Protein backbone atom coordinates (compact mmCIF):
# COMPACT_ATOMS: atom_id res chain seq x y z
CA MET A 1 10.23 1.79 -26.45
CA ASN A 2 8.83 5.28 -25.70
CA ASP A 3 5.44 5.92 -27.31
CA LYS A 4 2.10 4.16 -27.79
CA THR A 5 2.84 3.29 -31.27
CA ASP A 6 5.49 0.79 -30.61
CA TYR A 7 2.72 -1.44 -28.31
CA LYS A 8 2.56 -4.10 -31.22
CA GLU A 9 6.23 -5.11 -30.95
CA LEU A 10 5.47 -6.68 -27.73
CA LEU A 11 2.88 -8.93 -28.88
CA ASN A 12 3.03 -12.54 -28.37
CA VAL A 13 6.57 -12.46 -27.24
CA PRO A 14 7.78 -12.27 -23.30
CA SER A 15 8.57 -8.92 -22.33
CA LEU A 16 11.05 -7.84 -19.53
CA GLY A 17 10.00 -4.83 -17.52
CA ASP A 18 7.38 -2.95 -15.05
CA GLY A 19 3.94 -3.97 -15.56
CA ILE A 20 2.70 -0.14 -14.57
CA ARG A 21 4.95 1.11 -17.59
CA LEU A 22 3.72 -1.69 -19.73
CA LEU A 23 0.15 -0.11 -19.13
CA GLN A 24 0.96 3.16 -19.63
CA LEU A 25 2.45 2.00 -23.12
CA LEU A 26 -0.83 0.74 -24.27
CA PRO A 27 -3.27 2.84 -26.29
CA GLU A 28 -6.75 3.92 -24.64
CA ASN A 29 -9.34 0.99 -25.40
CA SER A 30 -6.71 -1.53 -26.52
CA VAL A 31 -6.99 -4.01 -23.91
CA ASP A 32 -10.16 -6.34 -24.35
CA LEU A 33 -9.23 -8.85 -21.18
CA LEU A 34 -6.35 -7.95 -18.27
CA ILE A 35 -5.68 -10.65 -15.74
CA ALA A 36 -3.04 -10.07 -12.96
CA ASP A 37 -2.10 -12.34 -10.17
CA LEU A 38 -0.61 -9.79 -8.01
CA PRO A 39 2.79 -10.58 -6.78
CA TRP A 40 2.56 -11.27 -3.08
CA SER A 41 2.48 -14.63 -1.23
CA HIS A 42 2.48 -15.85 2.04
CA THR A 43 5.77 -17.09 1.72
CA ALA A 44 8.55 -14.07 0.78
CA ASP A 45 10.51 -15.01 -2.07
CA ASP A 46 12.85 -13.74 -4.52
CA TYR A 47 8.88 -13.42 -7.06
CA SER A 48 7.17 -11.68 -4.49
CA LEU A 49 6.81 -7.97 -3.21
CA PRO A 50 6.08 -6.79 0.02
CA TRP A 51 2.34 -6.58 0.87
CA LEU A 52 2.34 -2.45 0.82
CA ARG A 53 4.06 -2.72 -2.52
CA ALA A 54 1.64 -5.50 -3.87
CA ALA A 55 -1.49 -3.49 -2.63
CA GLY A 56 -0.05 -0.49 -4.21
CA PHE A 57 0.71 -2.13 -7.64
CA GLY A 58 -2.67 -3.31 -7.67
CA ILE A 59 -4.03 -0.02 -7.21
CA GLN A 60 -2.32 1.81 -9.89
CA VAL A 61 -3.50 -1.07 -12.01
CA VAL A 62 -6.91 0.03 -11.18
CA GLU A 63 -5.80 3.57 -11.92
CA LEU A 64 -5.21 2.66 -15.39
CA LEU A 65 -7.96 0.41 -16.39
CA PRO A 66 -10.64 2.88 -17.17
CA SER A 67 -8.09 4.10 -20.01
CA VAL A 68 -6.86 0.61 -21.27
CA LEU A 69 -9.80 -1.45 -21.18
CA SER A 70 -11.80 -1.83 -24.52
CA ARG A 71 -15.41 -0.97 -25.02
CA ASN A 72 -16.28 -4.75 -24.07
CA GLY A 73 -13.24 -5.00 -21.62
CA SER A 74 -12.84 -7.12 -18.62
CA CYS A 75 -10.09 -7.68 -15.68
CA TYR A 76 -9.40 -10.33 -13.12
CA LEU A 77 -7.21 -9.03 -10.49
CA MET A 78 -6.34 -11.72 -7.72
CA SER A 79 -4.50 -11.84 -4.45
CA THR A 80 -4.00 -14.77 -1.56
CA ASP A 81 -4.79 -12.07 0.82
CA PHE A 82 -8.30 -10.71 1.00
CA GLY A 83 -6.79 -7.53 2.56
CA ILE A 84 -5.39 -6.56 -0.65
CA ASN A 85 -8.25 -6.92 -2.68
CA VAL A 86 -10.11 -4.62 0.05
CA GLU A 87 -7.67 -2.35 -0.65
CA LEU A 88 -8.65 -2.66 -4.42
CA MET A 89 -12.43 -2.47 -3.86
CA TYR A 90 -11.80 1.14 -2.10
CA GLU A 91 -10.08 2.41 -4.91
CA LEU A 92 -12.40 0.93 -7.68
CA ASN A 93 -15.29 2.57 -5.88
CA SER A 94 -13.88 5.86 -6.70
CA THR A 95 -14.10 4.53 -10.40
CA HIS A 96 -16.89 3.95 -13.08
CA LEU A 97 -15.90 0.51 -13.48
CA ILE A 98 -18.10 -2.43 -12.29
CA VAL A 99 -17.04 -5.01 -9.57
CA ARG A 100 -19.01 -7.92 -10.57
CA ASN A 101 -18.07 -10.85 -8.58
CA TRP A 102 -15.56 -11.53 -5.79
CA ILE A 103 -14.47 -15.17 -6.62
CA VAL A 104 -13.01 -17.59 -4.18
CA TRP A 105 -10.62 -20.49 -5.64
CA ASN A 106 -10.15 -22.75 -3.33
CA GLY A 107 -6.72 -24.36 -5.05
CA CYS A 108 -4.33 -22.75 -3.09
CA THR A 109 -1.32 -23.71 -1.01
CA TYR A 110 -2.87 -24.28 2.72
CA VAL A 111 -1.68 -21.87 4.89
CA SER A 112 -1.70 -22.44 8.66
CA ASN A 113 -2.40 -20.13 11.36
CA ASP A 114 -2.99 -20.86 14.94
CA ARG A 115 -4.78 -17.39 15.70
CA GLN A 116 -7.53 -17.38 12.92
CA TYR A 117 -8.87 -19.44 10.12
CA ASN A 118 -6.64 -21.04 7.81
CA SER A 119 -5.90 -19.95 4.40
CA SER A 120 -6.42 -21.86 1.37
CA ALA A 121 -8.03 -19.49 -1.21
CA LEU A 122 -7.17 -17.10 -4.06
CA HIS A 123 -9.65 -14.09 -4.02
CA ILE A 124 -10.40 -13.06 -7.28
CA LEU A 125 -12.01 -9.55 -8.57
CA TYR A 126 -13.92 -9.79 -11.54
CA ILE A 127 -14.30 -6.37 -13.20
CA THR A 128 -15.91 -4.92 -16.30
CA LYS A 129 -15.63 -1.31 -17.97
CA ASN A 130 -19.46 -1.59 -18.55
CA ASN A 131 -22.59 -3.19 -19.41
CA LYS A 132 -21.20 -4.53 -22.74
CA HIS A 133 -18.45 -6.75 -21.44
CA THR A 134 -17.99 -9.86 -23.14
CA PHE A 135 -19.24 -12.59 -21.33
CA ASN A 136 -19.13 -16.47 -23.27
CA ILE A 137 -21.62 -18.54 -21.31
CA ASP A 138 -21.45 -21.30 -23.95
CA ALA A 139 -17.31 -21.30 -23.45
CA VAL A 140 -17.96 -23.99 -20.55
CA ALA A 141 -20.36 -27.07 -19.81
CA THR A 142 -22.02 -24.64 -17.11
CA THR A 143 -21.83 -21.35 -15.99
CA PRO A 144 -19.55 -21.46 -12.53
CA ASP A 145 -20.77 -19.67 -9.51
CA ASP A 146 -18.42 -17.50 -7.85
CA VAL A 147 -16.67 -20.31 -5.51
CA TRP A 148 -14.45 -22.20 -7.65
CA ALA A 149 -13.40 -25.71 -6.89
CA HIS A 150 -12.43 -26.67 -10.24
CA ASP A 151 -8.94 -26.33 -11.77
CA SER A 152 -7.28 -27.03 -8.74
CA THR A 153 -4.19 -28.24 -9.06
CA LEU A 154 -0.87 -28.06 -11.49
CA ARG A 155 -0.25 -31.10 -12.76
CA MET A 156 2.48 -32.79 -10.69
CA GLY A 157 5.14 -34.64 -12.37
CA THR A 158 4.58 -32.81 -15.83
CA ASN A 159 6.36 -30.01 -17.36
CA GLU A 160 3.85 -27.84 -15.82
CA VAL A 161 5.37 -27.42 -12.73
CA LEU A 162 7.64 -24.47 -12.65
CA PRO A 163 10.31 -23.77 -9.95
CA HIS A 164 7.89 -20.55 -8.97
CA SER A 165 5.98 -19.97 -5.61
CA GLY A 166 2.98 -18.14 -7.60
CA GLN A 167 2.34 -20.69 -10.09
CA LEU A 168 -1.18 -21.42 -11.01
CA PRO A 169 -2.82 -23.97 -13.10
CA ILE A 170 -3.05 -23.40 -16.65
CA ALA A 171 -6.82 -24.63 -16.55
CA LEU A 172 -7.71 -21.62 -14.31
CA TYR A 173 -6.62 -19.13 -16.96
CA GLU A 174 -8.32 -20.78 -19.71
CA ARG A 175 -11.59 -20.66 -17.89
CA MET A 176 -11.08 -16.88 -17.43
CA ILE A 177 -9.47 -16.13 -21.34
CA ALA A 178 -12.71 -18.31 -22.66
CA MET A 179 -15.53 -16.93 -20.56
CA SER A 180 -13.99 -13.27 -21.03
CA SER A 181 -12.60 -12.79 -24.43
CA ASN A 182 -12.81 -13.74 -28.23
CA PRO A 183 -10.53 -15.11 -30.89
CA ASN A 184 -7.89 -12.55 -31.82
CA ASP A 185 -8.74 -10.16 -28.74
CA LEU A 186 -5.76 -8.77 -26.81
CA ILE A 187 -5.31 -10.26 -23.54
CA VAL A 188 -2.57 -8.58 -20.98
CA ASP A 189 -0.60 -9.91 -18.21
CA PRO A 190 1.35 -7.07 -16.11
CA CYS A 191 2.99 -9.62 -13.95
CA ALA A 192 3.24 -12.64 -15.92
CA GLY A 193 5.42 -14.77 -13.51
CA THR A 194 5.70 -18.35 -15.54
CA PHE A 195 4.02 -16.89 -18.47
CA THR A 196 1.18 -19.56 -18.05
CA ILE A 197 -1.32 -16.54 -19.22
CA GLY A 198 0.43 -16.00 -22.38
CA VAL A 199 0.42 -19.50 -22.76
CA ALA A 200 -3.12 -20.31 -22.24
CA ALA A 201 -4.05 -17.14 -24.67
CA GLN A 202 -1.79 -18.75 -27.34
CA LYS A 203 -3.39 -22.03 -26.98
CA LEU A 204 -6.68 -20.31 -27.16
CA SER A 205 -5.92 -18.02 -30.25
CA ARG A 206 -5.86 -14.95 -28.77
CA ARG A 207 -3.16 -11.84 -28.85
CA TRP A 208 -1.23 -11.45 -25.81
CA ILE A 209 1.51 -9.16 -24.37
CA ALA A 210 3.00 -10.18 -20.77
CA CYS A 211 5.76 -8.92 -18.77
CA ASP A 212 7.61 -9.69 -15.52
CA THR A 213 10.54 -7.67 -13.76
CA SER A 214 12.75 -10.83 -13.12
CA MET A 215 15.33 -12.45 -15.71
CA GLU A 216 14.54 -15.82 -14.49
CA CYS A 217 10.78 -15.35 -15.29
CA ILE A 218 11.47 -14.49 -18.88
CA ASP A 219 13.81 -17.70 -19.04
CA MET A 220 10.96 -19.62 -17.97
CA GLY A 221 8.64 -17.96 -20.05
CA CYS A 222 10.79 -18.42 -23.37
CA ASP A 223 11.47 -21.90 -22.49
CA ARG A 224 7.27 -22.37 -22.33
CA LEU A 225 6.52 -20.69 -25.68
CA GLY A 226 9.61 -22.22 -27.42
CA THR A 227 11.17 -18.97 -28.13
CA ASN A 228 14.52 -17.24 -27.64
CA GLU A 229 13.20 -13.81 -28.40
CA TYR A 230 12.11 -11.27 -25.38
CA ASN A 231 11.58 -7.68 -25.49
CA GLU A 232 12.60 -5.05 -23.06
CA ILE A 233 9.98 -2.35 -21.90
């Protein structure tokens, strides 16, 4: 792929490649909702980047958001390290984007530390392009506050649980997608992991584009989505 007119070939099929390259391929004002669980974890593994690279990846996403988000567009950027979010907030201050909430979701793996308070939170920045953003209050029973205690576990013992250290429950993403997009909107995930966001978007009748640099993740995504096809960016 080498120009912005080809992006529709990536719709609703896992893509192998770099997430920043993906965002650079997308037309201006085309993304209704971007969700990115930045690829860093407390336990270094094959699915994670070093802290500085993960933070740098997030900063590059922020730099591209004003261009790719649609008029009603929103974004959720998340990390298990609040320091990464601090770096992103600093970068966001140089844009016209609006940071509406710093959401804390307390469903992450417990990380013990004998020199500070233990960490068990996912830090989520909820960002919109302007004040015309999609926000479907009726999509959930009650409008949640900015401390999320729901959707807190994967369904252990089911095929939802995959061999990936960064996997999050589909219910968490379903909430974001239902609240911040409409049917047929375009959802983009530049670091897809287990492609849970693609699965959630498809379930809720949204179009989606998602990519990862790991062929193992592509295989997991294809299996979950019932396809043998994938694209390369």
